[in-house]
Amino acid sequence: MSGDFESFLGFYTDDAVVMPPNHPALENKEAILSWMKSFPKVIGAQFTCDEIGGAGDFAYVRGKYFFTLQPEGIPTSIEDHGKYIEIRKRQPDGSWPVSRDIFNSDLAP
């Protein structure tokens, strides 16, 4: 919510792929950063983890999200909620950043 997208990219592997709704896959950090900067301002966010699993050096997280967004030039905020899946990959330092990320809204377009 702070808009520090460069720091947020640290949650992703160097070869991360993000698959946002109604948009082609973002296949490198430069594309992910550009998309993040174009996303409406997030003024509220909640994430629920429903399931975690995996084996070896890979894990997945499945859950739900709830966003409150403030699009530029629109006087009122909008809300969105949906689901996500992350695939995480263990790194040599023991961290588990996101390698693949997909999310989509439960609301009708």
PDB file of N, CA and C in Angstrom:
ATOM      1  N   MET A   1       0.822  -1.195   0.000  1.00  0.00           N
ATOM      2  CA  MET A   1       0.000   0.000   0.000  1.00  0.00           C
ATOM      3  C   MET A   1       0.864   1.256   0.000  1.00  0.00           C
ATOM      4  N   SER A   2       2.145   1.097   0.348  1.00  0.00           N
ATOM      5  CA  SER A   2       3.028   2.260   0.400  1.00  0.00           C
ATOM      6  C   SER A   2       3.468   2.706  -0.988  1.00  0.00           C
ATOM      7  N   GLY A   3       3.302   1.847  -1.983  1.00  0.00           N
ATOM      8  CA  GLY A   3       3.748   2.191  -3.326  1.00  0.00           C
ATOM      9  C   GLY A   3       5.213   1.882  -3.568  1.00  0.00           C
ATOM     10  N   ASP A   4       5.868   1.184  -2.627  1.00  0.00           N
ATOM     11  CA  ASP A   4       7.274   0.823  -2.789  1.00  0.00           C
ATOM     12  C   ASP A   4       7.348  -0.497  -3.563  1.00  0.00           C
ATOM     13  N   PHE A   5       7.073  -0.411  -4.851  1.00  0.00           N
ATOM     14  CA  PHE A   5       6.979  -1.608  -5.679  1.00  0.00           C
ATOM     15  C   PHE A   5       8.328  -2.296  -5.871  1.00  0.00           C
ATOM     16  N   GLU A   6       9.407  -1.526  -5.903  1.00  0.00           N
ATOM     17  CA  GLU A   6      10.724  -2.127  -6.060  1.00  0.00           C
ATOM     18  C   GLU A   6      11.029  -3.076  -4.906  1.00  0.00           C
ATOM     19  N   SER A   7      10.703  -2.682  -3.687  1.00  0.00           N
ATOM     20  CA  SER A   7      10.908  -3.571  -2.533  1.00  0.00           C
ATOM     21  C   SER A   7       9.975  -4.772  -2.610  1.00  0.00           C
ATOM     22  N   PHE A   8       8.746  -4.549  -3.052  1.00  0.00           N
ATOM     23  CA  PHE A   8       7.768  -5.632  -3.151  1.00  0.00           C
ATOM     24  C   PHE A   8       8.255  -6.716  -4.109  1.00  0.00           C
ATOM     25  N   LEU A   9       9.000  -6.330  -5.148  1.00  0.00           N
ATOM     26  CA  LEU A   9       9.533  -7.318  -6.096  1.00  0.00           C
ATOM     27  C   LEU A   9      10.433  -8.333  -5.412  1.00  0.00           C
ATOM     28  N   GLY A  10      10.959  -8.006  -4.234  1.00  0.00           N
ATOM     29  CA  GLY A  10      11.791  -8.937  -3.482  1.00  0.00           C
ATOM     30  C   GLY A  10      11.046 -10.188  -3.035  1.00  0.00           C
ATOM     31  N   PHE A  11       9.724 -10.160  -3.074  1.00  0.00           N
ATOM     32  CA  PHE A  11       8.924 -11.334  -2.723  1.00  0.00           C
ATOM     33  C   PHE A  11       8.855 -12.342  -3.866  1.00  0.00           C
ATOM     34  N   TYR A  12       9.413 -11.973  -5.040  1.00  0.00           N
ATOM     35  CA  TYR A  12       9.365 -12.829  -6.226  1.00  0.00           C
ATOM     36  C   TYR A  12      10.756 -13.342  -6.588  1.00  0.00           C
ATOM     37  N   THR A  13      10.814 -14.522  -7.212  1.00  0.00           N
ATOM     38  CA  THR A  13      12.065 -15.032  -7.752  1.00  0.00           C
ATOM     39  C   THR A  13      12.470 -14.182  -8.960  1.00  0.00           C
ATOM     40  N   ASP A  14      13.719 -14.297  -9.370  1.00  0.00           N
ATOM     41  CA  ASP A  14      14.182 -13.529 -10.530  1.00  0.00           C
ATOM     42  C   ASP A  14      13.460 -13.934 -11.808  1.00  0.00           C
ATOM     43  N   ASP A  15      12.993 -15.189 -11.886  1.00  0.00           N
ATOM     44  CA  ASP A  15      12.294 -15.661 -13.086  1.00  0.00           C
ATOM     45  C   ASP A  15      10.778 -15.780 -12.868  1.00  0.00           C
ATOM     46  N   ALA A  16      10.242 -14.983 -11.964  1.00  0.00           N
ATOM     47  CA  ALA A  16       8.819 -15.050 -11.612  1.00  0.00           C
ATOM     48  C   ALA A  16       7.929 -14.762 -12.822  1.00  0.00           C
ATOM     49  N   VAL A  17       6.734 -15.382 -12.792  1.00  0.00           N
ATOM     50  CA  VAL A  17       5.677 -15.105 -13.759  1.00  0.00           C
ATOM     51  C   VAL A  17       4.428 -14.769 -12.953  1.00  0.00           C
ATOM     52  N   VAL A  18       3.850 -13.604 -13.231  1.00  0.00           N
ATOM     53  CA  VAL A  18       2.613 -13.174 -12.578  1.00  0.00           C
ATOM     54  C   VAL A  18       1.523 -13.165 -13.640  1.00  0.00           C
ATOM     55  N   MET A  19       0.358 -13.751 -13.289  1.00  0.00           N
ATOM     56  CA  MET A  19      -0.758 -13.860 -14.225  1.00  0.00           C
ATOM     57  C   MET A  19      -1.975 -13.139 -13.647  1.00  0.00           C
ATOM     58  N   PRO A  20      -2.032 -11.805 -13.842  1.00  0.00           N
ATOM     59  CA  PRO A  20      -3.164 -11.041 -13.307  1.00  0.00           C
ATOM     60  C   PRO A  20      -4.412 -11.229 -14.175  1.00  0.00           C
ATOM     61  N   PRO A  21      -5.571 -10.904 -13.637  1.00  0.00           N
ATOM     62  CA  PRO A  21      -6.805 -11.062 -14.407  1.00  0.00           C
ATOM     63  C   PRO A  21      -6.843 -10.118 -15.609  1.00  0.00           C
ATOM     64  N   ASN A  22      -7.403 -10.609 -16.686  1.00  0.00           N
ATOM     65  CA  ASN A  22      -7.636  -9.807 -17.895  1.00  0.00           C
ATOM     66  C   ASN A  22      -6.371  -9.145 -18.416  1.00  0.00           C
ATOM     67  N   HIS A  23      -5.257  -9.850 -18.321  1.00  0.00           N
ATOM     68  CA  HIS A  23      -3.977  -9.290 -18.739  1.00  0.00           C
ATOM     69  C   HIS A  23      -3.054 -10.439 -19.145  1.00  0.00           C
ATOM     70  N   PRO A  24      -2.209 -10.237 -20.149  1.00  0.00           N
ATOM     71  CA  PRO A  24      -1.237 -11.284 -20.474  1.00  0.00           C
ATOM     72  C   PRO A  24      -0.293 -11.549 -19.294  1.00  0.00           C
ATOM     73  N   ALA A  25       0.306 -12.723 -19.300  1.00  0.00           N
ATOM     74  CA  ALA A  25       1.269 -13.073 -18.259  1.00  0.00           C
ATOM     75  C   ALA A  25       2.437 -12.099 -18.273  1.00  0.00           C
ATOM     76  N   LEU A  26       2.913 -11.765 -17.084  1.00  0.00           N
ATOM     77  CA  LEU A  26       4.064 -10.876 -16.896  1.00  0.00           C
ATOM     78  C   LEU A  26       5.263 -11.768 -16.613  1.00  0.00           C
ATOM     79  N   GLU A  27       6.215 -11.847 -17.556  1.00  0.00           N
ATOM     80  CA  GLU A  27       7.241 -12.875 -17.496  1.00  0.00           C
ATOM     81  C   GLU A  27       8.627 -12.398 -17.095  1.00  0.00           C
ATOM     82  N   ASN A  28       8.727 -11.224 -16.500  1.00  0.00           N
ATOM     83  CA  ASN A  28      10.000 -10.783 -15.939  1.00  0.00           C
ATOM     84  C   ASN A  28       9.721  -9.665 -14.944  1.00  0.00           C
ATOM     85  N   LYS A  29      10.711  -9.363 -14.122  1.00  0.00           N
ATOM     86  CA  LYS A  29      10.495  -8.375 -13.062  1.00  0.00           C
ATOM     87  C   LYS A  29      10.195  -6.986 -13.617  1.00  0.00           C
ATOM     88  N   GLU A  30      10.760  -6.641 -14.761  1.00  0.00           N
ATOM     89  CA  GLU A  30      10.481  -5.334 -15.366  1.00  0.00           C
ATOM     90  C   GLU A  30       9.000  -5.226 -15.740  1.00  0.00           C
ATOM     91  N   ALA A  31       8.441  -6.285 -16.334  1.00  0.00           N
ATOM     92  CA  ALA A  31       7.026  -6.295 -16.699  1.00  0.00           C
ATOM     93  C   ALA A  31       6.143  -6.277 -15.451  1.00  0.00           C
ATOM     94  N   ILE A  32       6.533  -7.027 -14.425  1.00  0.00           N
ATOM     95  CA  ILE A  32       5.767  -7.053 -13.175  1.00  0.00           C
ATOM     96  C   ILE A  32       5.753  -5.660 -12.551  1.00  0.00           C
ATOM     97  N   LEU A  33       6.914  -5.013 -12.497  1.00  0.00           N
ATOM     98  CA  LEU A  33       7.014  -3.673 -11.923  1.00  0.00           C
ATOM     99  C   LEU A  33       6.154  -2.674 -12.700  1.00  0.00           C
ATOM    100  N   SER A  34       6.209  -2.716 -14.007  1.00  0.00           N
ATOM    101  CA  SER A  34       5.414  -1.805 -14.831  1.00  0.00           C
ATOM    102  C   SER A  34       3.925  -1.999 -14.566  1.00  0.00           C
ATOM    103  N   TRP A  35       3.488  -3.249 -14.477  1.00  0.00           N
ATOM    104  CA  TRP A  35       2.072  -3.525 -14.208  1.00  0.00           C
ATOM    105  C   TRP A  35       1.688  -3.036 -12.810  1.00  0.00           C
ATOM    106  N   MET A  36       2.542  -3.288 -11.820  1.00  0.00           N
ATOM    107  CA  MET A  36       2.252  -2.832 -10.457  1.00  0.00           C
ATOM    108  C   MET A  36       2.063  -1.319 -10.407  1.00  0.00           C
ATOM    109  N   LYS A  37       2.912  -0.605 -11.118  1.00  0.00           N
ATOM    110  CA  LYS A  37       2.818   0.854 -11.111  1.00  0.00           C
ATOM    111  C   LYS A  37       1.539   1.352 -11.775  1.00  0.00           C
ATOM    112  N   SER A  38       0.936   0.552 -12.649  1.00  0.00           N
ATOM    113  CA  SER A  38      -0.296   0.958 -13.323  1.00  0.00           C
ATOM    114  C   SER A  38      -1.554   0.535 -12.556  1.00  0.00           C
ATOM    115  N   PHE A  39      -1.386  -0.302 -11.531  1.00  0.00           N
ATOM    116  CA  PHE A  39      -2.513  -0.816 -10.751  1.00  0.00           C
ATOM    117  C   PHE A  39      -3.095   0.313  -9.902  1.00  0.00           C
ATOM    118  N   PRO A  40      -4.414   0.359  -9.738  1.00  0.00           N
ATOM    119  CA  PRO A  40      -4.993   1.403  -8.878  1.00  0.00           C
ATOM    120  C   PRO A  40      -4.409   1.356  -7.465  1.00  0.00           C
ATOM    121  N   LYS A  41      -4.388   2.489  -6.796  1.00  0.00           N
ATOM    122  CA  LYS A  41      -3.854   2.578  -5.432  1.00  0.00           C
ATOM    123  C   LYS A  41      -4.645   1.661  -4.500  1.00  0.00           C
ATOM    124  N   VAL A  42      -3.927   0.817  -3.782  1.00  0.00           N
ATOM    125  CA  VAL A  42      -4.537  -0.088  -2.808  1.00  0.00           C
ATOM    126  C   VAL A  42      -4.575   0.644  -1.473  1.00  0.00           C
ATOM    127  N   ILE A  43      -5.786   0.837  -0.937  1.00  0.00           N
ATOM    128  CA  ILE A  43      -5.910   1.510   0.361  1.00  0.00           C
ATOM    129  C   ILE A  43      -6.315   0.546   1.471  1.00  0.00           C
ATOM    130  N   GLY A  44      -6.585  -0.695   1.095  1.00  0.00           N
ATOM    131  CA  GLY A  44      -6.887  -1.733   2.073  1.00  0.00           C
ATOM    132  C   GLY A  44      -6.678  -3.091   1.432  1.00  0.00           C
ATOM    133  N   ALA A  45      -6.133  -4.026   2.191  1.00  0.00           N
ATOM    134  CA  ALA A  45      -5.893  -5.370   1.657  1.00  0.00           C
ATOM    135  C   ALA A  45      -5.946  -6.384   2.788  1.00  0.00           C
ATOM    136  N   GLN A  46      -6.582  -7.503   2.494  1.00  0.00           N
ATOM    137  CA  GLN A  46      -6.611  -8.629   3.427  1.00  0.00           C
ATOM    138  C   GLN A  46      -6.380  -9.897   2.619  1.00  0.00           C
ATOM    139  N   PHE A  47      -5.591 -10.806   3.166  1.00  0.00           N
ATOM    140  CA  PHE A  47      -5.324 -12.082   2.522  1.00  0.00           C
ATOM    141  C   PHE A  47      -5.633 -13.194   3.506  1.00  0.00           C
ATOM    142  N   THR A  48      -6.270 -14.226   3.022  1.00  0.00           N
ATOM    143  CA  THR A  48      -6.559 -15.408   3.817  1.00  0.00           C
ATOM    144  C   THR A  48      -5.887 -16.590   3.152  1.00  0.00           C
ATOM    145  N   CYS A  49      -5.137 -17.337   3.907  1.00  0.00           N
ATOM    146  CA  CYS A  49      -4.503 -18.546   3.399  1.00  0.00           C
ATOM    147  C   CYS A  49      -5.418 -19.728   3.713  1.00  0.00           C
ATOM    148  N   ASP A  50      -5.874 -20.433   2.675  1.00  0.00           N
ATOM    149  CA  ASP A  50      -6.761 -21.574   2.857  1.00  0.00           C
ATOM    150  C   ASP A  50      -6.037 -22.913   2.814  1.00  0.00           C
ATOM    151  N   GLU A  51      -4.874 -22.930   2.161  1.00  0.00           N
ATOM    152  CA  GLU A  51      -4.176 -24.200   1.987  1.00  0.00           C
ATOM    153  C   GLU A  51      -2.701 -23.942   1.672  1.00  0.00           C
ATOM    154  N   ILE A  52      -1.846 -24.743   2.252  1.00  0.00           N
ATOM    155  CA  ILE A  52      -0.418 -24.729   1.945  1.00  0.00           C
ATOM    156  C   ILE A  52       0.017 -26.177   1.775  1.00  0.00           C
ATOM    157  N   GLY A  53       0.817 -26.429   0.758  1.00  0.00           N
ATOM    158  CA  GLY A  53       1.322 -27.780   0.543  1.00  0.00           C
ATOM    159  C   GLY A  53       2.568 -27.726  -0.315  1.00  0.00           C
ATOM    160  N   GLY A  54       3.109 -28.869  -0.626  1.00  0.00           N
ATOM    161  CA  GLY A  54       4.257 -28.916  -1.501  1.00  0.00           C
ATOM    162  C   GLY A  54       5.133 -30.108  -1.210  1.00  0.00           C
ATOM    163  N   ALA A  55       6.246 -30.150  -1.939  1.00  0.00           N
ATOM    164  CA  ALA A  55       7.222 -31.220  -1.774  1.00  0.00           C
ATOM    165  C   ALA A  55       8.559 -30.726  -2.304  1.00  0.00           C
ATOM    166  N   GLY A  56       9.626 -31.179  -1.674  1.00  0.00           N
ATOM    167  CA  GLY A  56      10.957 -30.803  -2.137  1.00  0.00           C
ATOM    168  C   GLY A  56      11.163 -29.304  -2.070  1.00  0.00           C
ATOM    169  N   ASP A  57      11.595 -28.733  -3.182  1.00  0.00           N
ATOM    170  CA  ASP A  57      11.901 -27.302  -3.232  1.00  0.00           C
ATOM    171  C   ASP A  57      10.736 -26.447  -3.720  1.00  0.00           C
ATOM    172  N   PHE A  58       9.536 -27.026  -3.842  1.00  0.00           N
ATOM    173  CA  PHE A  58       8.374 -26.275  -4.302  1.00  0.00           C
ATOM    174  C   PHE A  58       7.236 -26.373  -3.288  1.00  0.00           C
ATOM    175  N   ALA A  59       6.521 -25.272  -3.150  1.00  0.00           N
ATOM    176  CA  ALA A  59       5.348 -25.231  -2.282  1.00  0.00           C
ATOM    177  C   ALA A  59       4.282 -24.393  -2.976  1.00  0.00           C
ATOM    178  N   TYR A  60       3.038 -24.595  -2.579  1.00  0.00           N
ATOM    179  CA  TYR A  60       1.962 -23.759  -3.103  1.00  0.00           C
ATOM    180  C   TYR A  60       1.155 -23.189  -1.950  1.00  0.00           C
ATOM    181  N   VAL A  61       0.562 -22.041  -2.223  1.00  0.00           N
ATOM    182  CA  VAL A  61      -0.323 -21.381  -1.275  1.00  0.00           C
ATOM    183  C   VAL A  61      -1.594 -21.044  -2.043  1.00  0.00           C
ATOM    184  N   ARG A  62      -2.738 -21.426  -1.479  1.00  0.00           N
ATOM    185  CA  ARG A  62      -4.030 -21.091  -2.084  1.00  0.00           C
ATOM    186  C   ARG A  62      -4.831 -20.297  -1.068  1.00  0.00           C
ATOM    187  N   GLY A  63      -5.473 -19.226  -1.524  1.00  0.00           N
ATOM    188  CA  GLY A  63      -6.240 -18.425  -0.588  1.00  0.00           C
ATOM    189  C   GLY A  63      -7.173 -17.443  -1.251  1.00  0.00           C
ATOM    190  N   LYS A  64      -7.609 -16.490  -0.447  1.00  0.00           N
ATOM    191  CA  LYS A  64      -8.553 -15.467  -0.889  1.00  0.00           C
ATOM    192  C   LYS A  64      -7.970 -14.089  -0.584  1.00  0.00           C
ATOM    193  N   TYR A  65      -8.404 -13.099  -1.361  1.00  0.00           N
ATOM    194  CA  TYR A  65      -7.983 -11.719  -1.107  1.00  0.00           C
ATOM    195  C   TYR A  65      -9.197 -10.809  -1.089  1.00  0.00           C
ATOM    196  N   PHE A  66      -9.022  -9.675  -0.449  1.00  0.00           N
ATOM    197  CA  PHE A  66     -10.021  -8.600  -0.430  1.00  0.00           C
ATOM    198  C   PHE A  66      -9.254  -7.290  -0.544  1.00  0.00           C
ATOM    199  N   PHE A  67      -9.528  -6.514  -1.588  1.00  0.00           N
ATOM    200  CA  PHE A  67      -8.865  -5.236  -1.811  1.00  0.00           C
ATOM    201  C   PHE A  67      -9.861  -4.097  -1.749  1.00  0.00           C
ATOM    202  N   THR A  68      -9.434  -2.971  -1.223  1.00  0.00           N
ATOM    203  CA  THR A  68     -10.118  -1.698  -1.403  1.00  0.00           C
ATOM    204  C   THR A  68      -9.177  -0.846  -2.236  1.00  0.00           C
ATOM    205  N   LEU A  69      -9.662  -0.385  -3.384  1.00  0.00           N
ATOM    206  CA  LEU A  69      -8.841   0.342  -4.350  1.00  0.00           C
ATOM    207  C   LEU A  69      -9.356   1.758  -4.524  1.00  0.00           C
ATOM    208  N   GLN A  70      -8.421   2.660  -4.783  1.00  0.00           N
ATOM    209  CA  GLN A  70      -8.776   4.053  -5.064  1.00  0.00           C
ATOM    210  C   GLN A  70      -8.211   4.426  -6.437  1.00  0.00           C
ATOM    211  N   PRO A  71      -8.993   4.156  -7.504  1.00  0.00           N
ATOM    212  CA  PRO A  71      -8.512   4.514  -8.841  1.00  0.00           C
ATOM    213  C   PRO A  71      -8.359   6.026  -8.984  1.00  0.00           C
ATOM    214  N   GLU A  72      -7.317   6.424  -9.697  1.00  0.00           N
ATOM    215  CA  GLU A  72      -7.056   7.839  -9.922  1.00  0.00           C
ATOM    216  C   GLU A  72      -8.223   8.470 -10.681  1.00  0.00           C
ATOM    217  N   GLY A  73      -8.658   9.635 -10.194  1.00  0.00           N
ATOM    218  CA  GLY A  73      -9.717  10.374 -10.858  1.00  0.00           C
ATOM    219  C   GLY A  73     -11.126   9.925 -10.518  1.00  0.00           C
ATOM    220  N   ILE A  74     -11.264   8.932  -9.643  1.00  0.00           N
ATOM    221  CA  ILE A  74     -12.592   8.456  -9.230  1.00  0.00           C
ATOM    222  C   ILE A  74     -12.764   8.816  -7.758  1.00  0.00           C
ATOM    223  N   PRO A  75     -13.844   9.535  -7.407  1.00  0.00           N
ATOM    224  CA  PRO A  75     -13.972  10.048  -6.042  1.00  0.00           C
ATOM    225  C   PRO A  75     -14.236   8.981  -4.970  1.00  0.00           C
ATOM    226  N   THR A  76     -14.783   7.841  -5.352  1.00  0.00           N
ATOM    227  CA  THR A  76     -15.080   6.821  -4.345  1.00  0.00           C
ATOM    228  C   THR A  76     -14.202   5.599  -4.565  1.00  0.00           C
ATOM    229  N   SER A  77     -13.936   4.888  -3.495  1.00  0.00           N
ATOM    230  CA  SER A  77     -13.131   3.669  -3.598  1.00  0.00           C
ATOM    231  C   SER A  77     -13.996   2.533  -4.137  1.00  0.00           C
ATOM    232  N   ILE A  78     -13.331   1.495  -4.608  1.00  0.00           N
ATOM    233  CA  ILE A  78     -14.034   0.297  -5.072  1.00  0.00           C
ATOM    234  C   ILE A  78     -13.456  -0.904  -4.328  1.00  0.00           C
ATOM    235  N   GLU A  79     -14.243  -1.941  -4.225  1.00  0.00           N
ATOM    236  CA  GLU A  79     -13.803  -3.149  -3.538  1.00  0.00           C
ATOM    237  C   GLU A  79     -13.761  -4.314  -4.508  1.00  0.00           C
ATOM    238  N   ASP A  80     -12.821  -5.199  -4.288  1.00  0.00           N
ATOM    239  CA  ASP A  80     -12.688  -6.407  -5.086  1.00  0.00           C
ATOM    240  C   ASP A  80     -12.321  -7.549  -4.149  1.00  0.00           C
ATOM    241  N   HIS A  81     -12.816  -8.723  -4.472  1.00  0.00           N
ATOM    242  CA  HIS A  81     -12.419  -9.912  -3.719  1.00  0.00           C
ATOM    243  C   HIS A  81     -12.332 -11.083  -4.679  1.00  0.00           C
ATOM    244  N   GLY A  82     -11.430 -11.992  -4.364  1.00  0.00           N
ATOM    245  CA  GLY A  82     -11.233 -13.137  -5.240  1.00  0.00           C
ATOM    246  C   GLY A  82     -10.308 -14.151  -4.614  1.00  0.00           C
ATOM    247  N   LYS A  83      -9.638 -14.905  -5.492  1.00  0.00           N
ATOM    248  CA  LYS A  83      -8.775 -15.986  -5.018  1.00  0.00           C
ATOM    249  C   LYS A  83      -7.426 -15.918  -5.708  1.00  0.00           C
ATOM    250  N   TYR A  84      -6.456 -16.631  -5.108  1.00  0.00           N
ATOM    251  CA  TYR A  84      -5.103 -16.639  -5.662  1.00  0.00           C
ATOM    252  C   TYR A  84      -4.443 -17.987  -5.419  1.00  0.00           C
ATOM    253  N   ILE A  85      -3.444 -18.270  -6.237  1.00  0.00           N
ATOM    254  CA  ILE A  85      -2.538 -19.392  -6.023  1.00  0.00           C
ATOM    255  C   ILE A  85      -1.125 -18.882  -6.266  1.00  0.00           C
ATOM    256  N   GLU A  86      -0.235 -19.203  -5.351  1.00  0.00           N
ATOM    257  CA  GLU A  86       1.186 -18.897  -5.496  1.00  0.00           C
ATOM    258  C   GLU A  86       1.952 -20.212  -5.522  1.00  0.00           C
ATOM    259  N   ILE A  87       2.949 -20.279  -6.372  1.00  0.00           N
ATOM    260  CA  ILE A  87       3.916 -21.375  -6.320  1.00  0.00           C
ATOM    261  C   ILE A  87       5.208 -20.754  -5.835  1.00  0.00           C
ATOM    262  N   ARG A  88       5.745 -21.326  -4.789  1.00  0.00           N
ATOM    263  CA  ARG A  88       6.966 -20.793  -4.182  1.00  0.00           C
ATOM    264  C   ARG A  88       8.107 -21.780  -4.387  1.00  0.00           C
ATOM    265  N   LYS A  89       9.301 -21.236  -4.535  1.00  0.00           N
ATOM    266  CA  LYS A  89      10.478 -22.067  -4.788  1.00  0.00           C
ATOM    267  C   LYS A  89      11.558 -21.757  -3.754  1.00  0.00           C
ATOM    268  N   ARG A  90      12.006 -22.805  -3.054  1.00  0.00           N
ATOM    269  CA  ARG A  90      13.043 -22.627  -2.038  1.00  0.00           C
ATOM    270  C   ARG A  90      14.348 -22.190  -2.703  1.00  0.00           C
ATOM    271  N   GLN A  91      14.963 -21.186  -2.105  1.00  0.00           N
ATOM    272  CA  GLN A  91      16.220 -20.639  -2.601  1.00  0.00           C
ATOM    273  C   GLN A  91      17.389 -21.184  -1.771  1.00  0.00           C
ATOM    274  N   PRO A  92      18.618 -21.065  -2.282  1.00  0.00           N
ATOM    275  CA  PRO A  92      19.783 -21.555  -1.532  1.00  0.00           C
ATOM    276  C   PRO A  92      19.899 -20.964  -0.125  1.00  0.00           C
ATOM    277  N   ASP A  93      19.377 -19.734   0.082  1.00  0.00           N
ATOM    278  CA  ASP A  93      19.452 -19.117   1.415  1.00  0.00           C
ATOM    279  C   ASP A  93      18.325 -19.574   2.340  1.00  0.00           C
ATOM    280  N   GLY A  94      17.458 -20.488   1.853  1.00  0.00           N
ATOM    281  CA  GLY A  94      16.357 -21.001   2.669  1.00  0.00           C
ATOM    282  C   GLY A  94      15.059 -20.216   2.549  1.00  0.00           C
ATOM    283  N   SER A  95      15.051 -19.109   1.818  1.00  0.00           N
ATOM    284  CA  SER A  95      13.818 -18.325   1.638  1.00  0.00           C
ATOM    285  C   SER A  95      12.897 -19.007   0.618  1.00  0.00           C
ATOM    286  N   TRP A  96      11.624 -18.599   0.621  1.00  0.00           N
ATOM    287  CA  TRP A  96      10.605 -19.188  -0.245  1.00  0.00           C
ATOM    288  C   TRP A  96       9.877 -18.098  -1.036  1.00  0.00           C
ATOM    289  N   PRO A  97      10.534 -17.399  -1.958  1.00  0.00           N
ATOM    290  CA  PRO A  97       9.840 -16.366  -2.731  1.00  0.00           C
ATOM    291  C   PRO A  97       8.863 -16.981  -3.736  1.00  0.00           C
ATOM    292  N   VAL A  98       7.980 -16.137  -4.245  1.00  0.00           N
ATOM    293  CA  VAL A  98       6.959 -16.556  -5.208  1.00  0.00           C
ATOM    294  C   VAL A  98       7.591 -16.692  -6.587  1.00  0.00           C
ATOM    295  N   SER A  99       7.369 -17.851  -7.201  1.00  0.00           N
ATOM    296  CA  SER A  99       7.867 -18.120  -8.548  1.00  0.00           C
ATOM    297  C   SER A  99       6.763 -17.928  -9.590  1.00  0.00           C
ATOM    298  N   ARG A 100       5.559 -18.335  -9.249  1.00  0.00           N
ATOM    299  CA  ARG A 100       4.391 -18.169 -10.122  1.00  0.00           C
ATOM    300  C   ARG A 100       3.245 -17.661  -9.262  1.00  0.00           C
ATOM    301  N   ASP A 101       2.483 -16.715  -9.822  1.00  0.00           N
ATOM    302  CA  ASP A 101       1.421 -16.052  -9.054  1.00  0.00           C
ATOM    303  C   ASP A 101       0.246 -15.811  -9.991  1.00  0.00           C
ATOM    304  N   ILE A 102      -0.916 -16.297  -9.621  1.00  0.00           N
ATOM    305  CA  ILE A 102      -2.125 -16.048 -10.402  1.00  0.00           C
ATOM    306  C   ILE A 102      -3.240 -15.672  -9.446  1.00  0.00           C
ATOM    307  N   PHE A 103      -4.037 -14.679  -9.831  1.00  0.00           N
ATOM    308  CA  PHE A 103      -5.181 -14.282  -9.012  1.00  0.00           C
ATOM    309  C   PHE A 103      -6.275 -13.772  -9.936  1.00  0.00           C
ATOM    310  N   ASN A 104      -7.513 -13.901  -9.468  1.00  0.00           N
ATOM    311  CA  ASN A 104      -8.635 -13.360 -10.227  1.00  0.00           C
ATOM    312  C   ASN A 104      -9.810 -13.074  -9.320  1.00  0.00           C
ATOM    313  N   SER A 105     -10.616 -12.159  -9.774  1.00  0.00           N
ATOM    314  CA  SER A 105     -11.747 -11.649  -9.005  1.00  0.00           C
ATOM    315  C   SER A 105     -12.905 -12.623  -8.996  1.00  0.00           C
ATOM    316  N   ASP A 106     -13.670 -12.598  -7.907  1.00  0.00           N
ATOM    317  CA  ASP A 106     -14.927 -13.323  -7.853  1.00  0.00           C
ATOM    318  C   ASP A 106     -16.088 -12.488  -8.397  1.00  0.00           C
ATOM    319  N   LEU A 107     -15.836 -11.207  -8.665  1.00  0.00           N
ATOM    320  CA  LEU A 107     -16.887 -10.306  -9.134  1.00  0.00           C
ATOM    321  C   LEU A 107     -17.029 -10.403 -10.647  1.00  0.00           C
ATOM    322  N   ALA A 108     -18.241 -10.241 -11.112  1.00  0.00           N
ATOM    323  CA  ALA A 108     -18.495 -10.256 -12.561  1.00  0.00           C
ATOM    324  C   ALA A 108     -17.814  -9.046 -13.208  1.00  0.00           C
ATOM    325  N   PRO A 109     -17.291  -9.231 -14.446  1.00  0.00           N
ATOM    326  CA  PRO A 109     -16.638  -8.090 -15.113  1.00  0.00           C
ATOM    327  C   PRO A 109     -17.609  -6.963 -15.441  1.00  0.00           C
TER     328      PRO A 109
END
